[in-house]
């Protein structure tokens, strides 16, 4: 089972590396910007999630294996592009939250993909700065 999960992770992340830069350019796509833990450069990742008040919620498919989660662990200050506008915030990893239950409140298409392809789900909450 572990070998299957690792193979699945490698295949999916290889596809994502090719398509994510293209998706991030689409005007309606939600994009998470973190600071690279090694390079210090901005790293942009298309994500699916939902804003609720001054919070943005998402579920990572691969938990602490996701590069953006590892970047958040190094520096929780992030930006999120919602409806074409950038919002600064602070990301919080919530391992105690039930990610499968959380996915039920997030956009359906992305949630279905995360449930299908994910191997180590992790809830992430971003507390958006007041503006």
N, C-alpha and C. Protein backbone atom coordinates (compact mmCIF):
# COMPACT_ATOMS: atom_id res chain seq x y z
N UNK A 1 0.82 -1.20 0.00
CA UNK A 1 0.00 0.00 0.00
C UNK A 1 0.86 1.26 0.00
N UNK A 2 1.95 1.25 0.76
CA UNK A 2 2.83 2.41 0.82
C UNK A 2 3.46 2.69 -0.55
N UNK A 3 3.82 1.63 -1.24
CA UNK A 3 4.41 1.78 -2.56
C UNK A 3 3.40 2.39 -3.54
N UNK A 4 2.15 1.94 -3.45
CA UNK A 4 1.08 2.49 -4.29
C UNK A 4 0.91 3.99 -4.03
N UNK A 5 0.87 4.36 -2.76
CA UNK A 5 0.70 5.78 -2.39
C UNK A 5 1.87 6.62 -2.92
N UNK A 6 3.07 6.12 -2.81
CA UNK A 6 4.25 6.84 -3.28
C UNK A 6 4.22 7.00 -4.80
N UNK A 7 3.86 5.93 -5.52
CA UNK A 7 3.75 5.99 -6.97
C UNK A 7 2.68 6.99 -7.38
N UNK A 8 1.54 6.93 -6.72
CA UNK A 8 0.44 7.86 -6.99
C UNK A 8 0.89 9.30 -6.77
N UNK A 9 1.59 9.54 -5.66
CA UNK A 9 2.12 10.88 -5.36
C UNK A 9 3.06 11.36 -6.47
N UNK A 10 3.98 10.52 -6.89
CA UNK A 10 4.95 10.91 -7.92
C UNK A 10 4.28 11.21 -9.26
N UNK A 11 3.32 10.39 -9.66
CA UNK A 11 2.63 10.60 -10.93
C UNK A 11 1.83 11.90 -10.90
N UNK A 12 1.03 12.09 -9.87
CA UNK A 12 0.18 13.27 -9.79
C UNK A 12 1.02 14.54 -9.68
N UNK A 13 2.05 14.55 -8.85
CA UNK A 13 2.87 15.76 -8.71
C UNK A 13 3.63 16.07 -10.00
N UNK A 14 4.00 15.04 -10.74
CA UNK A 14 4.67 15.27 -12.01
C UNK A 14 3.73 15.97 -13.00
N UNK A 15 2.48 15.55 -13.03
CA UNK A 15 1.47 16.20 -13.89
C UNK A 15 1.22 17.62 -13.40
N UNK A 16 1.08 17.80 -12.08
CA UNK A 16 0.82 19.13 -11.53
C UNK A 16 1.94 20.12 -11.82
N UNK A 17 3.18 19.65 -11.80
CA UNK A 17 4.32 20.55 -12.09
C UNK A 17 4.22 21.15 -13.49
N UNK A 18 3.64 20.39 -14.41
CA UNK A 18 3.50 20.86 -15.78
C UNK A 18 2.30 21.80 -15.94
N UNK A 19 1.18 21.48 -15.27
CA UNK A 19 -0.05 22.23 -15.48
C UNK A 19 -0.27 23.39 -14.51
N UNK A 20 0.27 23.30 -13.31
CA UNK A 20 0.03 24.37 -12.32
C UNK A 20 0.46 25.75 -12.79
N UNK A 21 1.62 25.91 -13.44
CA UNK A 21 1.98 27.25 -13.91
C UNK A 21 0.96 27.82 -14.90
N UNK A 22 0.38 26.96 -15.72
CA UNK A 22 -0.64 27.41 -16.67
C UNK A 22 -1.93 27.78 -15.93
N UNK A 23 -2.35 26.94 -15.00
CA UNK A 23 -3.57 27.21 -14.23
C UNK A 23 -3.44 28.50 -13.42
N UNK A 24 -2.27 28.74 -12.86
CA UNK A 24 -2.07 29.93 -12.02
C UNK A 24 -2.25 31.22 -12.82
N UNK A 25 -2.12 31.15 -14.13
CA UNK A 25 -2.28 32.34 -14.96
C UNK A 25 -3.73 32.65 -15.29
N UNK A 26 -4.62 31.69 -15.10
CA UNK A 26 -6.03 31.92 -15.41
C UNK A 26 -6.61 32.93 -14.43
N UNK A 27 -7.32 33.94 -14.94
CA UNK A 27 -7.80 35.02 -14.07
C UNK A 27 -8.72 34.58 -12.95
N UNK A 28 -9.56 33.58 -13.15
CA UNK A 28 -10.50 33.16 -12.11
C UNK A 28 -9.96 32.14 -11.14
N UNK A 29 -8.76 31.64 -11.37
CA UNK A 29 -8.18 30.60 -10.53
C UNK A 29 -7.71 31.18 -9.20
N UNK A 30 -8.05 30.51 -8.10
CA UNK A 30 -7.52 30.89 -6.79
C UNK A 30 -6.06 30.45 -6.74
N UNK A 31 -5.19 31.35 -6.30
CA UNK A 31 -3.76 31.06 -6.26
C UNK A 31 -3.23 31.35 -4.86
N UNK A 32 -2.45 30.44 -4.33
CA UNK A 32 -1.78 30.61 -3.04
C UNK A 32 -0.32 30.95 -3.32
N UNK A 33 0.15 32.04 -2.73
CA UNK A 33 1.56 32.43 -2.87
C UNK A 33 2.26 32.28 -1.53
N UNK A 34 3.27 31.43 -1.52
CA UNK A 34 4.10 31.23 -0.34
C UNK A 34 5.50 31.73 -0.65
N UNK A 35 6.35 31.76 0.37
CA UNK A 35 7.76 32.11 0.17
C UNK A 35 8.56 30.82 0.20
N UNK A 36 9.36 30.59 -0.83
CA UNK A 36 10.17 29.38 -0.91
C UNK A 36 11.07 29.24 0.30
N UNK A 37 11.03 28.10 0.94
CA UNK A 37 11.78 27.89 2.18
C UNK A 37 13.29 27.91 1.97
N UNK A 38 13.74 27.57 0.78
CA UNK A 38 15.17 27.57 0.49
C UNK A 38 15.57 28.80 -0.31
N UNK A 39 14.79 29.11 -1.34
CA UNK A 39 15.14 30.20 -2.25
C UNK A 39 14.74 31.57 -1.73
N UNK A 40 13.67 31.63 -0.93
CA UNK A 40 13.14 32.91 -0.49
C UNK A 40 12.31 33.60 -1.57
N UNK A 41 12.11 32.93 -2.70
CA UNK A 41 11.35 33.51 -3.81
C UNK A 41 9.86 33.19 -3.67
N UNK A 42 9.00 34.02 -4.25
CA UNK A 42 7.57 33.72 -4.21
C UNK A 42 7.26 32.46 -5.02
N UNK A 43 6.43 31.60 -4.47
CA UNK A 43 6.01 30.36 -5.13
C UNK A 43 4.49 30.37 -5.21
N UNK A 44 3.97 30.24 -6.41
CA UNK A 44 2.51 30.31 -6.63
C UNK A 44 1.96 28.95 -7.00
N UNK A 45 0.87 28.59 -6.32
CA UNK A 45 0.23 27.30 -6.52
C UNK A 45 -1.27 27.49 -6.66
N UNK A 46 -1.87 26.99 -7.75
CA UNK A 46 -3.33 27.04 -7.85
C UNK A 46 -3.94 26.10 -6.80
N UNK A 47 -4.94 26.58 -6.12
CA UNK A 47 -5.60 25.78 -5.09
C UNK A 47 -7.11 25.91 -5.24
N UNK A 48 -7.81 25.02 -4.59
CA UNK A 48 -9.26 25.12 -4.49
C UNK A 48 -9.60 25.30 -3.03
N UNK A 49 -10.53 26.15 -2.77
CA UNK A 49 -10.92 26.39 -1.39
C UNK A 49 -12.06 27.39 -1.36
N UNK A 50 -12.34 27.89 -0.19
CA UNK A 50 -13.46 28.84 -0.06
C UNK A 50 -13.15 29.85 1.02
N UNK A 51 -13.52 31.10 0.71
CA UNK A 51 -13.41 32.17 1.69
C UNK A 51 -14.68 32.17 2.54
N UNK A 52 -14.48 32.26 3.86
CA UNK A 52 -15.58 32.38 4.81
C UNK A 52 -15.22 33.54 5.72
N UNK A 53 -15.83 34.68 5.48
CA UNK A 53 -15.50 35.88 6.25
C UNK A 53 -14.06 36.28 6.00
N UNK A 54 -13.27 36.36 7.05
CA UNK A 54 -11.86 36.75 6.94
C UNK A 54 -10.93 35.53 6.97
N UNK A 55 -11.49 34.37 6.61
CA UNK A 55 -10.68 33.15 6.56
C UNK A 55 -10.82 32.52 5.18
N UNK A 56 -9.75 31.87 4.74
CA UNK A 56 -9.79 31.08 3.51
C UNK A 56 -9.39 29.66 3.90
N UNK A 57 -10.23 28.71 3.52
CA UNK A 57 -10.02 27.30 3.87
C UNK A 57 -9.67 26.48 2.64
N UNK A 58 -8.73 25.54 2.80
CA UNK A 58 -8.39 24.60 1.74
C UNK A 58 -7.90 23.31 2.37
N UNK A 59 -7.84 22.27 1.56
CA UNK A 59 -7.31 20.98 2.03
C UNK A 59 -6.18 20.58 1.09
N UNK A 60 -5.02 20.32 1.68
CA UNK A 60 -3.86 19.87 0.92
C UNK A 60 -3.98 18.37 0.65
N UNK A 61 -3.71 17.97 -0.60
CA UNK A 61 -3.79 16.56 -0.98
C UNK A 61 -2.72 15.70 -0.30
N UNK A 62 -1.54 16.28 -0.10
CA UNK A 62 -0.41 15.49 0.36
C UNK A 62 0.16 15.96 1.69
N UNK A 63 -0.60 16.75 2.42
CA UNK A 63 -0.17 17.17 3.75
C UNK A 63 1.22 17.77 3.74
N UNK A 64 2.05 17.31 4.67
CA UNK A 64 3.39 17.91 4.80
C UNK A 64 4.36 17.48 3.71
N UNK A 65 3.90 16.70 2.73
CA UNK A 65 4.73 16.41 1.55
C UNK A 65 4.55 17.47 0.47
N UNK A 66 3.46 18.27 0.58
CA UNK A 66 3.22 19.34 -0.40
C UNK A 66 4.24 20.45 -0.19
N UNK A 67 4.82 20.91 -1.29
CA UNK A 67 5.82 21.97 -1.17
C UNK A 67 5.24 23.22 -0.53
N UNK A 68 3.99 23.58 -0.89
CA UNK A 68 3.44 24.80 -0.30
C UNK A 68 3.20 24.63 1.21
N UNK A 69 2.90 23.43 1.67
CA UNK A 69 2.76 23.20 3.10
C UNK A 69 4.12 23.31 3.78
N UNK A 70 5.14 22.77 3.17
CA UNK A 70 6.50 22.87 3.73
C UNK A 70 6.95 24.34 3.76
N UNK A 71 6.56 25.11 2.74
CA UNK A 71 6.87 26.54 2.74
C UNK A 71 6.13 27.25 3.88
N UNK A 72 4.88 26.89 4.11
CA UNK A 72 4.09 27.48 5.20
C UNK A 72 4.72 27.14 6.55
N UNK A 73 5.22 25.94 6.70
CA UNK A 73 5.87 25.56 7.96
C UNK A 73 7.08 26.45 8.22
N UNK A 74 7.75 26.85 7.15
CA UNK A 74 8.93 27.71 7.26
C UNK A 74 8.56 29.17 7.47
N UNK A 75 7.51 29.63 6.78
CA UNK A 75 7.05 31.02 6.88
C UNK A 75 5.54 31.05 6.61
N UNK A 76 4.73 31.24 7.65
CA UNK A 76 3.28 31.18 7.47
C UNK A 76 2.66 32.40 6.79
N UNK A 77 3.45 33.43 6.53
CA UNK A 77 2.89 34.60 5.83
C UNK A 77 2.69 34.25 4.36
N UNK A 78 1.46 34.42 3.89
CA UNK A 78 1.11 34.04 2.52
C UNK A 78 0.26 35.14 1.89
N UNK A 79 0.00 34.95 0.60
CA UNK A 79 -0.99 35.76 -0.11
C UNK A 79 -1.90 34.81 -0.87
N UNK A 80 -3.17 35.22 -1.02
CA UNK A 80 -4.13 34.44 -1.76
C UNK A 80 -4.78 35.35 -2.79
N UNK A 81 -4.82 34.88 -4.05
CA UNK A 81 -5.50 35.64 -5.09
C UNK A 81 -6.92 35.10 -5.22
N UNK A 82 -7.89 35.97 -4.89
CA UNK A 82 -9.31 35.63 -4.96
C UNK A 82 -9.99 36.62 -5.88
N UNK A 83 -10.65 36.11 -6.90
CA UNK A 83 -11.37 36.96 -7.84
C UNK A 83 -10.48 38.09 -8.37
N UNK A 84 -9.23 37.75 -8.67
CA UNK A 84 -8.30 38.70 -9.28
C UNK A 84 -7.62 39.65 -8.31
N UNK A 85 -7.93 39.59 -7.01
CA UNK A 85 -7.31 40.49 -6.02
C UNK A 85 -6.47 39.69 -5.04
N UNK A 86 -5.32 40.24 -4.70
CA UNK A 86 -4.42 39.59 -3.75
C UNK A 86 -4.78 40.01 -2.33
N UNK A 87 -4.76 39.03 -1.42
CA UNK A 87 -5.04 39.26 0.00
C UNK A 87 -3.91 38.62 0.80
N UNK A 88 -3.30 39.41 1.69
CA UNK A 88 -2.26 38.88 2.57
C UNK A 88 -2.91 38.16 3.74
N UNK A 89 -2.20 37.21 4.30
CA UNK A 89 -2.73 36.49 5.45
C UNK A 89 -1.68 35.61 6.09
N UNK A 90 -2.13 34.91 7.12
CA UNK A 90 -1.27 33.98 7.85
C UNK A 90 -1.89 32.60 7.80
N UNK A 91 -1.13 31.65 7.30
CA UNK A 91 -1.64 30.28 7.14
C UNK A 91 -1.42 29.49 8.42
N UNK A 92 -2.38 28.63 8.72
CA UNK A 92 -2.31 27.75 9.88
C UNK A 92 -2.64 26.33 9.42
N UNK A 93 -1.77 25.40 9.77
CA UNK A 93 -2.00 24.00 9.46
C UNK A 93 -2.83 23.41 10.61
N UNK A 94 -3.89 22.69 10.26
CA UNK A 94 -4.82 22.18 11.27
C UNK A 94 -4.94 20.66 11.21
N UNK A 95 -3.92 19.95 11.71
CA UNK A 95 -3.97 18.48 11.66
C UNK A 95 -5.12 17.91 12.49
N UNK A 96 -5.63 18.66 13.46
CA UNK A 96 -6.73 18.17 14.31
C UNK A 96 -8.09 18.28 13.61
N UNK A 97 -8.17 19.04 12.52
CA UNK A 97 -9.42 19.20 11.78
C UNK A 97 -9.65 17.96 10.92
N UNK A 98 -10.91 17.61 10.68
CA UNK A 98 -11.24 16.47 9.84
C UNK A 98 -11.28 16.94 8.38
N UNK A 99 -10.24 16.64 7.58
CA UNK A 99 -10.19 17.17 6.21
C UNK A 99 -11.31 16.64 5.32
N UNK A 100 -11.73 15.41 5.52
CA UNK A 100 -12.82 14.87 4.69
C UNK A 100 -14.12 15.60 4.96
N UNK A 101 -14.39 15.90 6.21
CA UNK A 101 -15.58 16.69 6.55
C UNK A 101 -15.44 18.11 6.00
N UNK A 102 -14.24 18.67 6.09
CA UNK A 102 -14.00 20.03 5.59
C UNK A 102 -14.25 20.10 4.09
N UNK A 103 -13.85 19.08 3.35
CA UNK A 103 -14.04 19.08 1.90
C UNK A 103 -15.50 19.22 1.50
N UNK A 104 -16.41 18.78 2.36
CA UNK A 104 -17.84 18.87 2.06
C UNK A 104 -18.31 20.32 1.99
N UNK A 105 -17.57 21.24 2.62
CA UNK A 105 -17.96 22.65 2.61
C UNK A 105 -17.18 23.46 1.56
N UNK A 106 -16.32 22.80 0.81
CA UNK A 106 -15.49 23.48 -0.19
C UNK A 106 -16.02 23.17 -1.59
N UNK A 107 -15.54 23.88 -2.62
CA UNK A 107 -16.03 23.65 -3.99
C UNK A 107 -15.96 22.17 -4.39
N UNK A 108 -17.05 21.69 -4.98
CA UNK A 108 -17.23 20.27 -5.27
C UNK A 108 -16.17 19.67 -6.18
N UNK A 109 -15.90 20.33 -7.30
CA UNK A 109 -14.97 19.76 -8.29
C UNK A 109 -13.59 19.55 -7.68
N UNK A 110 -13.07 20.60 -7.05
CA UNK A 110 -11.75 20.49 -6.43
C UNK A 110 -11.76 19.46 -5.29
N UNK A 111 -12.83 19.47 -4.50
CA UNK A 111 -12.92 18.51 -3.39
C UNK A 111 -12.90 17.08 -3.89
N UNK A 112 -13.58 16.83 -4.98
CA UNK A 112 -13.59 15.48 -5.55
C UNK A 112 -12.18 15.08 -5.99
N UNK A 113 -11.46 16.00 -6.61
CA UNK A 113 -10.08 15.71 -7.05
C UNK A 113 -9.18 15.45 -5.85
N UNK A 114 -9.31 16.26 -4.81
CA UNK A 114 -8.47 16.09 -3.61
C UNK A 114 -8.77 14.73 -2.97
N UNK A 115 -10.04 14.36 -2.85
CA UNK A 115 -10.40 13.05 -2.28
C UNK A 115 -9.86 11.91 -3.13
N UNK A 116 -9.94 12.06 -4.46
CA UNK A 116 -9.51 11.00 -5.37
C UNK A 116 -8.00 10.81 -5.39
N UNK A 117 -7.28 11.92 -5.49
CA UNK A 117 -5.83 11.83 -5.69
C UNK A 117 -5.02 11.97 -4.40
N UNK A 118 -5.61 12.53 -3.38
CA UNK A 118 -4.88 12.78 -2.14
C UNK A 118 -4.54 11.52 -1.38
N UNK A 119 -3.42 11.56 -0.69
CA UNK A 119 -2.99 10.41 0.10
C UNK A 119 -2.75 10.78 1.56
N UNK A 120 -2.68 12.06 1.88
CA UNK A 120 -2.39 12.49 3.26
C UNK A 120 -3.04 13.86 3.46
N UNK A 121 -4.36 13.89 3.55
CA UNK A 121 -5.10 15.15 3.58
C UNK A 121 -4.79 15.97 4.83
N UNK A 122 -4.70 17.28 4.64
CA UNK A 122 -4.41 18.21 5.73
C UNK A 122 -5.17 19.51 5.50
N UNK A 123 -5.93 19.94 6.50
CA UNK A 123 -6.67 21.19 6.41
C UNK A 123 -5.74 22.37 6.66
N UNK A 124 -5.92 23.42 5.84
CA UNK A 124 -5.16 24.65 5.99
C UNK A 124 -6.17 25.81 6.09
N UNK A 125 -6.00 26.65 7.11
CA UNK A 125 -6.82 27.85 7.24
C UNK A 125 -5.90 29.06 7.11
N UNK A 126 -6.33 30.00 6.30
CA UNK A 126 -5.56 31.24 6.14
C UNK A 126 -6.38 32.37 6.74
N UNK A 127 -5.83 32.99 7.76
CA UNK A 127 -6.46 34.15 8.38
C UNK A 127 -6.06 35.37 7.56
N UNK A 128 -7.03 35.92 6.84
CA UNK A 128 -6.75 37.06 5.96
C UNK A 128 -6.63 38.34 6.77
N UNK A 129 -5.67 39.18 6.40
CA UNK A 129 -5.47 40.46 7.07
C UNK A 129 -6.66 41.37 6.80
N UNK A 130 -6.98 42.19 7.77
CA UNK A 130 -8.04 43.19 7.60
C UNK A 130 -7.56 44.25 6.61
N UNK A 131 -8.45 44.71 5.77
CA UNK A 131 -8.12 45.77 4.80
C UNK A 131 -9.20 46.79 4.81
